[in-house]
Amino acid sequence: MKHIILIFLAAPFFSFAQNPELHIINGHYLHESTFSIPGKSKSILYQIANQWVATDIKDQRRISQTDSKDTGKIIEKIRFNTLYEGGTDLINETTVTIECSNEKIKIKLSNFQYSIGSDTSKVIIDNIIQFAAPEQIARHRMWYPIDRTATEIIANFRTWLKSKL
């Protein structure tokens, strides 16, 4: 029993918080996934992706939309809220790009920005990455809620794809 108590008392000295895995590619913070879908044409995949955008990205979250059936590309600028320490509301913006080709579909989230509460000034995540020291990037506390939501958006897209195929 005495040994168990000592282990619990010593645990804080040997444990540490882990930083989230940062999705940084060429100096930009982004999330992306590519899905192979054998036997599906670009036009069918484009139609499925367009349905997901219309269903999952609600109108109140949309800022702008560009799509082209010819190229198979859909670009959505969206807004989503996340909670930060102490219940502070983060207002996030990101660009969702979906590229469809024969038997393949790619979703990418990029150009992340956020503002805190009613503050209208935006913090651009890529600027933090490009101008901050590496240890400051890893300690930046906004990663957790933004990263979690970006991961959820891609997971929702994956689930939608599976349900439609």
N, C-alpha and C. Protein backbone atom coordinates (compact mmCIF):
# COMPACT_ATOMS: atom_id res chain seq x y z
N MET A 1 0.83 -1.19 0.00
CA MET A 1 0.00 0.00 0.00
C MET A 1 0.87 1.25 0.00
N LYS A 2 1.95 1.20 0.81
CA LYS A 2 2.85 2.35 0.90
C LYS A 2 3.49 2.65 -0.46
N HIS A 3 3.79 1.60 -1.22
CA HIS A 3 4.41 1.78 -2.54
C HIS A 3 3.44 2.43 -3.53
N ILE A 4 2.18 2.06 -3.43
CA ILE A 4 1.18 2.64 -4.32
C ILE A 4 1.04 4.14 -4.05
N ILE A 5 1.03 4.51 -2.80
CA ILE A 5 0.93 5.94 -2.45
C ILE A 5 2.15 6.69 -2.97
N LEU A 6 3.33 6.11 -2.85
CA LEU A 6 4.54 6.76 -3.36
C LEU A 6 4.48 6.93 -4.88
N ILE A 7 3.94 5.95 -5.56
CA ILE A 7 3.82 6.05 -7.02
C ILE A 7 2.91 7.22 -7.39
N PHE A 8 1.78 7.33 -6.71
CA PHE A 8 0.86 8.44 -7.00
C PHE A 8 1.47 9.79 -6.67
N LEU A 9 2.26 9.85 -5.60
CA LEU A 9 2.90 11.11 -5.24
C LEU A 9 4.00 11.50 -6.23
N ALA A 10 4.67 10.51 -6.80
CA ALA A 10 5.76 10.79 -7.73
C ALA A 10 5.28 10.98 -9.17
N ALA A 11 4.08 10.58 -9.48
CA ALA A 11 3.57 10.64 -10.85
C ALA A 11 3.68 12.03 -11.49
N PRO A 12 3.35 13.12 -10.78
CA PRO A 12 3.45 14.43 -11.43
C PRO A 12 4.87 14.80 -11.88
N PHE A 13 5.88 14.24 -11.23
CA PHE A 13 7.25 14.55 -11.59
C PHE A 13 7.70 13.83 -12.86
N PHE A 14 7.04 12.73 -13.18
CA PHE A 14 7.45 11.93 -14.33
C PHE A 14 6.49 12.01 -15.51
N SER A 15 5.39 12.69 -15.32
CA SER A 15 4.42 12.80 -16.41
C SER A 15 4.47 14.20 -17.00
N PHE A 16 3.97 14.32 -18.21
CA PHE A 16 3.97 15.62 -18.88
C PHE A 16 2.80 15.67 -19.84
N ALA A 17 2.34 16.87 -20.11
CA ALA A 17 1.25 17.06 -21.07
C ALA A 17 1.81 16.93 -22.48
N GLN A 18 1.06 16.30 -23.33
CA GLN A 18 1.51 16.14 -24.70
C GLN A 18 0.89 17.21 -25.58
N ASN A 19 1.70 17.71 -26.47
CA ASN A 19 1.18 18.67 -27.44
C ASN A 19 0.44 17.90 -28.52
N PRO A 20 -0.60 18.50 -29.10
CA PRO A 20 -1.29 17.79 -30.18
C PRO A 20 -0.38 17.67 -31.39
N GLU A 21 -0.63 16.65 -32.19
CA GLU A 21 0.10 16.52 -33.45
C GLU A 21 -0.33 17.68 -34.34
N LEU A 22 0.63 18.46 -34.77
CA LEU A 22 0.30 19.62 -35.59
C LEU A 22 0.34 19.23 -37.06
N HIS A 23 -0.69 19.57 -37.76
CA HIS A 23 -0.80 19.24 -39.18
C HIS A 23 -0.20 20.39 -40.00
N ILE A 24 1.13 20.50 -39.95
CA ILE A 24 1.82 21.59 -40.64
C ILE A 24 2.52 21.01 -41.86
N ILE A 25 2.17 21.55 -43.03
CA ILE A 25 2.78 21.11 -44.28
C ILE A 25 3.26 22.36 -45.02
N ASN A 26 4.56 22.41 -45.28
CA ASN A 26 5.16 23.56 -45.98
C ASN A 26 4.79 24.89 -45.34
N GLY A 27 4.81 24.94 -44.01
CA GLY A 27 4.55 26.19 -43.30
C GLY A 27 3.09 26.56 -43.19
N HIS A 28 2.20 25.64 -43.52
CA HIS A 28 0.76 25.92 -43.44
C HIS A 28 0.09 24.85 -42.59
N TYR A 29 -0.84 25.30 -41.75
CA TYR A 29 -1.63 24.38 -40.92
C TYR A 29 -2.81 23.91 -41.75
N LEU A 30 -2.90 22.61 -41.97
CA LEU A 30 -4.03 22.11 -42.73
C LEU A 30 -4.32 20.66 -42.38
N HIS A 31 -5.54 20.28 -42.64
CA HIS A 31 -5.99 18.90 -42.50
C HIS A 31 -6.41 18.44 -43.89
N GLU A 32 -6.03 17.24 -44.26
CA GLU A 32 -6.49 16.73 -45.55
C GLU A 32 -6.56 15.21 -45.52
N SER A 33 -7.48 14.69 -46.29
CA SER A 33 -7.63 13.24 -46.45
C SER A 33 -8.04 12.96 -47.88
N THR A 34 -7.52 11.86 -48.40
CA THR A 34 -7.88 11.42 -49.74
C THR A 34 -8.52 10.04 -49.62
N PHE A 35 -9.61 9.86 -50.33
CA PHE A 35 -10.35 8.60 -50.28
C PHE A 35 -10.39 8.00 -51.68
N SER A 36 -10.02 6.73 -51.79
CA SER A 36 -10.12 6.00 -53.07
C SER A 36 -11.47 5.31 -53.11
N ILE A 37 -12.19 5.52 -54.21
CA ILE A 37 -13.52 4.94 -54.35
C ILE A 37 -13.59 4.27 -55.73
N PRO A 38 -13.19 3.01 -55.80
CA PRO A 38 -13.16 2.30 -57.08
C PRO A 38 -14.52 2.29 -57.78
N GLY A 39 -14.48 2.50 -59.08
CA GLY A 39 -15.68 2.39 -59.90
C GLY A 39 -16.58 3.61 -59.91
N LYS A 40 -16.21 4.70 -59.23
CA LYS A 40 -17.05 5.90 -59.20
C LYS A 40 -16.41 7.00 -60.05
N SER A 41 -17.22 7.60 -60.89
CA SER A 41 -16.74 8.65 -61.78
C SER A 41 -16.63 9.98 -61.04
N LYS A 42 -15.93 10.90 -61.67
CA LYS A 42 -15.78 12.25 -61.10
C LYS A 42 -17.14 12.90 -60.89
N SER A 43 -18.04 12.77 -61.85
CA SER A 43 -19.34 13.44 -61.73
C SER A 43 -20.17 12.87 -60.58
N ILE A 44 -20.11 11.56 -60.35
CA ILE A 44 -20.85 10.96 -59.23
C ILE A 44 -20.25 11.41 -57.91
N LEU A 45 -18.92 11.41 -57.80
CA LEU A 45 -18.26 11.85 -56.57
C LEU A 45 -18.53 13.33 -56.31
N TYR A 46 -18.55 14.12 -57.36
CA TYR A 46 -18.86 15.55 -57.23
C TYR A 46 -20.28 15.73 -56.68
N GLN A 47 -21.21 14.96 -57.19
CA GLN A 47 -22.60 15.04 -56.74
C GLN A 47 -22.71 14.66 -55.26
N ILE A 48 -22.02 13.61 -54.84
CA ILE A 48 -22.03 13.18 -53.44
C ILE A 48 -21.42 14.27 -52.55
N ALA A 49 -20.29 14.83 -52.98
CA ALA A 49 -19.64 15.89 -52.20
C ALA A 49 -20.53 17.12 -52.10
N ASN A 50 -21.19 17.47 -53.18
CA ASN A 50 -22.08 18.63 -53.18
C ASN A 50 -23.26 18.42 -52.23
N GLN A 51 -23.77 17.18 -52.16
CA GLN A 51 -24.85 16.87 -51.22
C GLN A 51 -24.37 17.02 -49.79
N TRP A 52 -23.14 16.58 -49.51
CA TRP A 52 -22.59 16.72 -48.16
C TRP A 52 -22.49 18.19 -47.77
N VAL A 53 -21.99 19.00 -48.69
CA VAL A 53 -21.87 20.44 -48.43
C VAL A 53 -23.24 21.03 -48.11
N ALA A 54 -24.24 20.68 -48.91
CA ALA A 54 -25.59 21.22 -48.72
C ALA A 54 -26.22 20.74 -47.41
N THR A 55 -25.87 19.53 -46.98
CA THR A 55 -26.48 18.95 -45.79
C THR A 55 -25.69 19.25 -44.52
N ASP A 56 -24.38 19.04 -44.58
CA ASP A 56 -23.57 19.11 -43.36
C ASP A 56 -23.08 20.51 -43.04
N ILE A 57 -22.79 21.29 -44.03
CA ILE A 57 -22.33 22.66 -43.79
C ILE A 57 -23.57 23.54 -43.86
N LYS A 58 -24.10 23.82 -42.72
CA LYS A 58 -25.37 24.56 -42.65
C LYS A 58 -25.20 25.97 -43.20
N ASP A 59 -26.29 26.54 -43.69
CA ASP A 59 -26.26 27.87 -44.29
C ASP A 59 -25.69 28.94 -43.36
N GLN A 60 -25.99 28.84 -42.07
CA GLN A 60 -25.50 29.89 -41.17
C GLN A 60 -23.98 29.83 -41.00
N ARG A 61 -23.35 28.72 -41.36
CA ARG A 61 -21.90 28.62 -41.23
C ARG A 61 -21.18 28.99 -42.51
N ARG A 62 -21.90 29.07 -43.60
CA ARG A 62 -21.28 29.38 -44.88
C ARG A 62 -20.93 30.85 -44.99
N ILE A 63 -19.75 31.14 -45.46
CA ILE A 63 -19.36 32.52 -45.74
C ILE A 63 -19.39 32.73 -47.24
N SER A 64 -18.79 31.81 -47.98
CA SER A 64 -18.81 31.90 -49.44
C SER A 64 -18.68 30.51 -50.03
N GLN A 65 -19.05 30.39 -51.28
CA GLN A 65 -19.00 29.10 -51.95
C GLN A 65 -18.59 29.29 -53.40
N THR A 66 -17.72 28.42 -53.87
CA THR A 66 -17.34 28.36 -55.27
C THR A 66 -17.33 26.90 -55.65
N ASP A 67 -17.94 26.56 -56.74
CA ASP A 67 -17.83 25.18 -57.20
C ASP A 67 -17.86 25.12 -58.71
N SER A 68 -17.27 24.06 -59.22
CA SER A 68 -17.20 23.88 -60.67
C SER A 68 -17.36 22.40 -60.97
N LYS A 69 -18.45 22.05 -61.58
CA LYS A 69 -18.69 20.65 -61.94
C LYS A 69 -17.67 20.18 -62.97
N ASP A 70 -17.23 21.10 -63.84
CA ASP A 70 -16.25 20.73 -64.87
C ASP A 70 -14.93 20.28 -64.26
N THR A 71 -14.44 21.01 -63.26
CA THR A 71 -13.17 20.66 -62.64
C THR A 71 -13.35 19.68 -61.49
N GLY A 72 -14.58 19.54 -60.99
CA GLY A 72 -14.84 18.65 -59.86
C GLY A 72 -14.39 19.23 -58.54
N LYS A 73 -14.30 20.55 -58.47
CA LYS A 73 -13.78 21.21 -57.27
C LYS A 73 -14.87 22.04 -56.59
N ILE A 74 -14.96 21.90 -55.27
CA ILE A 74 -15.88 22.69 -54.44
C ILE A 74 -15.03 23.40 -53.40
N ILE A 75 -15.21 24.70 -53.26
CA ILE A 75 -14.48 25.48 -52.26
C ILE A 75 -15.51 26.20 -51.41
N GLU A 76 -15.46 25.97 -50.11
CA GLU A 76 -16.39 26.59 -49.16
C GLU A 76 -15.58 27.32 -48.09
N LYS A 77 -15.92 28.54 -47.84
CA LYS A 77 -15.36 29.26 -46.69
C LYS A 77 -16.42 29.14 -45.60
N ILE A 78 -16.06 28.53 -44.46
CA ILE A 78 -17.05 28.30 -43.41
C ILE A 78 -16.61 28.91 -42.08
N ARG A 79 -17.58 29.10 -41.22
CA ARG A 79 -17.35 29.62 -39.87
C ARG A 79 -17.90 28.59 -38.88
N PHE A 80 -17.14 28.34 -37.82
CA PHE A 80 -17.62 27.45 -36.77
C PHE A 80 -17.12 27.97 -35.43
N ASN A 81 -17.86 27.67 -34.39
CA ASN A 81 -17.50 28.12 -33.04
C ASN A 81 -16.92 26.95 -32.26
N THR A 82 -15.94 27.26 -31.42
CA THR A 82 -15.41 26.29 -30.48
C THR A 82 -15.26 26.99 -29.14
N LEU A 83 -15.20 26.20 -28.08
CA LEU A 83 -15.01 26.78 -26.75
C LEU A 83 -13.55 26.70 -26.38
N TYR A 84 -13.09 27.75 -25.73
CA TYR A 84 -11.71 27.88 -25.29
C TYR A 84 -11.75 27.94 -23.77
N GLU A 85 -10.61 27.98 -23.13
CA GLU A 85 -10.50 28.01 -21.67
C GLU A 85 -11.55 28.90 -21.02
N GLY A 86 -12.19 28.39 -20.00
CA GLY A 86 -13.14 29.18 -19.24
C GLY A 86 -14.43 29.47 -19.98
N GLY A 87 -14.70 28.75 -21.06
CA GLY A 87 -15.94 28.94 -21.80
C GLY A 87 -15.93 30.09 -22.78
N THR A 88 -14.76 30.68 -23.05
CA THR A 88 -14.67 31.75 -24.04
C THR A 88 -14.97 31.18 -25.42
N ASP A 89 -15.76 31.91 -26.18
CA ASP A 89 -16.16 31.46 -27.51
C ASP A 89 -15.11 31.86 -28.54
N LEU A 90 -14.59 30.88 -29.28
CA LEU A 90 -13.69 31.15 -30.40
C LEU A 90 -14.51 31.10 -31.67
N ILE A 91 -14.40 32.11 -32.49
CA ILE A 91 -15.08 32.14 -33.78
C ILE A 91 -14.01 31.82 -34.83
N ASN A 92 -14.13 30.66 -35.44
CA ASN A 92 -13.13 30.15 -36.37
C ASN A 92 -13.63 30.24 -37.80
N GLU A 93 -12.69 30.42 -38.71
CA GLU A 93 -12.99 30.36 -40.14
C GLU A 93 -11.96 29.46 -40.79
N THR A 94 -12.40 28.72 -41.79
CA THR A 94 -11.49 27.89 -42.56
C THR A 94 -12.04 27.72 -43.97
N THR A 95 -11.17 27.31 -44.86
CA THR A 95 -11.57 27.01 -46.23
C THR A 95 -11.61 25.50 -46.39
N VAL A 96 -12.74 24.99 -46.84
CA VAL A 96 -12.90 23.56 -47.12
C VAL A 96 -12.84 23.41 -48.64
N THR A 97 -11.88 22.63 -49.11
CA THR A 97 -11.73 22.37 -50.54
C THR A 97 -11.95 20.88 -50.78
N ILE A 98 -12.85 20.56 -51.69
CA ILE A 98 -13.10 19.17 -52.06
C ILE A 98 -12.78 19.04 -53.54
N GLU A 99 -11.88 18.11 -53.86
CA GLU A 99 -11.49 17.88 -55.25
C GLU A 99 -11.88 16.46 -55.64
N CYS A 100 -12.68 16.35 -56.67
CA CYS A 100 -13.16 15.05 -57.14
C CYS A 100 -12.48 14.70 -58.46
N SER A 101 -12.08 13.46 -58.58
CA SER A 101 -11.57 12.94 -59.84
C SER A 101 -12.11 11.52 -59.96
N ASN A 102 -11.83 10.86 -61.06
CA ASN A 102 -12.31 9.49 -61.21
C ASN A 102 -11.71 8.60 -60.13
N GLU A 103 -12.58 7.95 -59.37
CA GLU A 103 -12.22 6.99 -58.32
C GLU A 103 -11.48 7.59 -57.13
N LYS A 104 -11.47 8.92 -56.99
CA LYS A 104 -10.74 9.53 -55.88
C LYS A 104 -11.41 10.85 -55.49
N ILE A 105 -11.42 11.11 -54.19
CA ILE A 105 -11.96 12.37 -53.68
C ILE A 105 -11.06 12.84 -52.54
N LYS A 106 -10.74 14.12 -52.54
CA LYS A 106 -9.84 14.68 -51.54
C LYS A 106 -10.53 15.85 -50.85
N ILE A 107 -10.44 15.89 -49.52
CA ILE A 107 -10.97 17.02 -48.76
C ILE A 107 -9.80 17.66 -48.02
N LYS A 108 -9.77 18.98 -48.05
CA LYS A 108 -8.68 19.72 -47.40
C LYS A 108 -9.27 20.91 -46.65
N LEU A 109 -8.83 21.11 -45.41
CA LEU A 109 -9.20 22.28 -44.62
C LEU A 109 -7.94 23.11 -44.45
N SER A 110 -8.01 24.39 -44.83
CA SER A 110 -6.83 25.26 -44.79
C SER A 110 -7.26 26.68 -44.46
N ASN A 111 -6.30 27.58 -44.40
CA ASN A 111 -6.53 29.01 -44.13
C ASN A 111 -7.32 29.22 -42.84
N PHE A 112 -6.86 28.61 -41.76
CA PHE A 112 -7.54 28.74 -40.47
C PHE A 112 -7.31 30.12 -39.87
N GLN A 113 -8.38 30.70 -39.35
CA GLN A 113 -8.33 31.99 -38.65
C GLN A 113 -9.26 31.89 -37.46
N TYR A 114 -9.01 32.70 -36.45
CA TYR A 114 -9.95 32.75 -35.34
C TYR A 114 -9.97 34.14 -34.72
N SER A 115 -11.06 34.44 -34.06
CA SER A 115 -11.16 35.63 -33.21
C SER A 115 -11.78 35.17 -31.90
N ILE A 116 -11.54 35.92 -30.85
CA ILE A 116 -12.00 35.53 -29.52
C ILE A 116 -13.19 36.38 -29.13
N GLY A 117 -14.30 35.70 -28.78
CA GLY A 117 -15.49 36.40 -28.32
C GLY A 117 -15.99 37.41 -29.33
N SER A 118 -16.23 38.62 -28.86
CA SER A 118 -16.76 39.66 -29.75
C SER A 118 -15.66 40.47 -30.43
N ASP A 119 -14.40 40.12 -30.18
CA ASP A 119 -13.28 40.81 -30.82
C ASP A 119 -13.33 40.53 -32.33
N THR A 120 -13.28 41.56 -33.13
CA THR A 120 -13.39 41.38 -34.58
C THR A 120 -12.04 41.18 -35.27
N SER A 121 -10.94 41.38 -34.56
CA SER A 121 -9.63 41.16 -35.19
C SER A 121 -9.37 39.66 -35.27
N LYS A 122 -8.85 39.22 -36.40
CA LYS A 122 -8.65 37.80 -36.65
C LYS A 122 -7.18 37.43 -36.51
N VAL A 123 -6.94 36.27 -35.93
CA VAL A 123 -5.60 35.72 -35.84
C VAL A 123 -5.49 34.66 -36.93
N ILE A 124 -4.49 34.80 -37.78
CA ILE A 124 -4.29 33.86 -38.88
C ILE A 124 -3.27 32.81 -38.42
N ILE A 125 -3.71 31.56 -38.38
CA ILE A 125 -2.88 30.48 -37.87
C ILE A 125 -1.57 30.35 -38.64
N ASP A 126 -1.61 30.45 -39.96
CA ASP A 126 -0.38 30.32 -40.75
C ASP A 126 0.65 31.38 -40.38
N ASN A 127 0.21 32.57 -39.97
CA ASN A 127 1.16 33.60 -39.53
C ASN A 127 1.87 33.18 -38.25
N ILE A 128 1.15 32.53 -37.35
CA ILE A 128 1.78 32.03 -36.12
C ILE A 128 2.87 31.03 -36.49
N ILE A 129 2.55 30.13 -37.41
CA ILE A 129 3.49 29.08 -37.80
C ILE A 129 4.72 29.68 -38.48
N GLN A 130 4.52 30.65 -39.35
CA GLN A 130 5.63 31.18 -40.13
C GLN A 130 6.51 32.16 -39.37
N PHE A 131 5.96 32.81 -38.34
CA PHE A 131 6.73 33.85 -37.66
C PHE A 131 7.09 33.54 -36.22
N ALA A 132 6.56 32.48 -35.65
CA ALA A 132 6.85 32.16 -34.25
C ALA A 132 7.95 31.10 -34.17
N ALA A 133 8.61 31.08 -33.02
CA ALA A 133 9.62 30.05 -32.78
C ALA A 133 8.91 28.70 -32.61
N PRO A 134 9.58 27.60 -32.97
CA PRO A 134 8.93 26.28 -32.89
C PRO A 134 8.32 25.96 -31.52
N GLU A 135 9.00 26.33 -30.44
CA GLU A 135 8.44 26.03 -29.11
C GLU A 135 7.18 26.85 -28.83
N GLN A 136 7.08 28.04 -29.41
CA GLN A 136 5.86 28.84 -29.26
C GLN A 136 4.71 28.23 -30.04
N ILE A 137 5.01 27.67 -31.19
CA ILE A 137 3.97 27.03 -32.00
C ILE A 137 3.37 25.85 -31.24
N ALA A 138 4.23 25.01 -30.68
CA ALA A 138 3.75 23.82 -29.96
C ALA A 138 2.94 24.20 -28.73
N ARG A 139 3.25 25.33 -28.10
CA ARG A 139 2.54 25.75 -26.89
C ARG A 139 1.28 26.56 -27.18
N HIS A 140 1.05 26.89 -28.43
CA HIS A 140 -0.11 27.73 -28.76
C HIS A 140 -1.38 26.99 -28.36
N ARG A 141 -2.15 27.55 -27.45
CA ARG A 141 -3.27 26.85 -26.82
C ARG A 141 -4.50 26.73 -27.71
N MET A 142 -4.56 27.41 -28.81
CA MET A 142 -5.75 27.35 -29.65
C MET A 142 -5.80 26.08 -30.50
N TRP A 143 -4.69 25.31 -30.54
CA TRP A 143 -4.67 24.12 -31.39
C TRP A 143 -5.76 23.13 -31.02
N TYR A 144 -5.95 22.91 -29.72
CA TYR A 144 -6.83 21.83 -29.28
C TYR A 144 -8.25 21.96 -29.82
N PRO A 145 -8.97 23.06 -29.58
CA PRO A 145 -10.35 23.12 -30.08
C PRO A 145 -10.44 23.18 -31.61
N ILE A 146 -9.49 23.87 -32.23
CA ILE A 146 -9.52 23.97 -33.70
C ILE A 146 -9.20 22.62 -34.32
N ASP A 147 -8.18 21.95 -33.80
CA ASP A 147 -7.77 20.65 -34.31
C ASP A 147 -8.89 19.62 -34.15
N ARG A 148 -9.53 19.63 -32.99
CA ARG A 148 -10.62 18.68 -32.73
C ARG A 148 -11.77 18.89 -33.73
N THR A 149 -12.15 20.14 -33.96
CA THR A 149 -13.26 20.42 -34.88
C THR A 149 -12.89 20.07 -36.31
N ALA A 150 -11.67 20.38 -36.73
CA ALA A 150 -11.23 20.04 -38.09
C ALA A 150 -11.26 18.53 -38.30
N THR A 151 -10.81 17.79 -37.30
CA THR A 151 -10.84 16.33 -37.37
C THR A 151 -12.27 15.82 -37.47
N GLU A 152 -13.19 16.45 -36.73
CA GLU A 152 -14.61 16.06 -36.78
C GLU A 152 -15.21 16.34 -38.16
N ILE A 153 -14.86 17.45 -38.77
CA ILE A 153 -15.39 17.78 -40.10
C ILE A 153 -14.98 16.70 -41.10
N ILE A 154 -13.72 16.30 -41.07
CA ILE A 154 -13.25 15.27 -42.00
C ILE A 154 -13.90 13.92 -41.67
N ALA A 155 -14.06 13.60 -40.39
CA ALA A 155 -14.73 12.35 -40.01
C ALA A 155 -16.18 12.34 -40.48
N ASN A 156 -16.86 13.47 -40.37
CA ASN A 156 -18.25 13.57 -40.86
C ASN A 156 -18.30 13.34 -42.37
N PHE A 157 -17.33 13.90 -43.08
CA PHE A 157 -17.27 13.71 -44.53
C PHE A 157 -17.06 12.24 -44.87
N ARG A 158 -16.14 11.59 -44.15
CA ARG A 158 -15.86 10.16 -44.38
C ARG A 158 -17.13 9.33 -44.13
N THR A 159 -17.84 9.62 -43.05
CA THR A 159 -19.08 8.91 -42.73
C THR A 159 -20.13 9.12 -43.82
N TRP A 160 -20.24 10.36 -44.30
CA TRP A 160 -21.20 10.68 -45.37
C TRP A 160 -20.86 9.87 -46.62
N LEU A 161 -19.57 9.83 -46.98
CA LEU A 161 -19.16 9.07 -48.17
C LEU A 161 -19.56 7.61 -48.05
N LYS A 162 -19.24 7.01 -46.89
CA LYS A 162 -19.56 5.59 -46.69
C LYS A 162 -21.05 5.34 -46.79
N SER A 163 -21.85 6.27 -46.30
CA SER A 163 -23.31 6.07 -46.33
C SER A 163 -23.89 6.20 -47.73
N LYS A 164 -23.19 6.89 -48.63
CA LYS A 164 -23.71 7.12 -49.97
C LYS A 164 -23.17 6.15 -51.01
N LEU A 165 -22.21 5.33 -50.63
CA LEU A 165 -21.60 4.41 -51.60
C LEU A 165 -22.12 2.99 -51.43
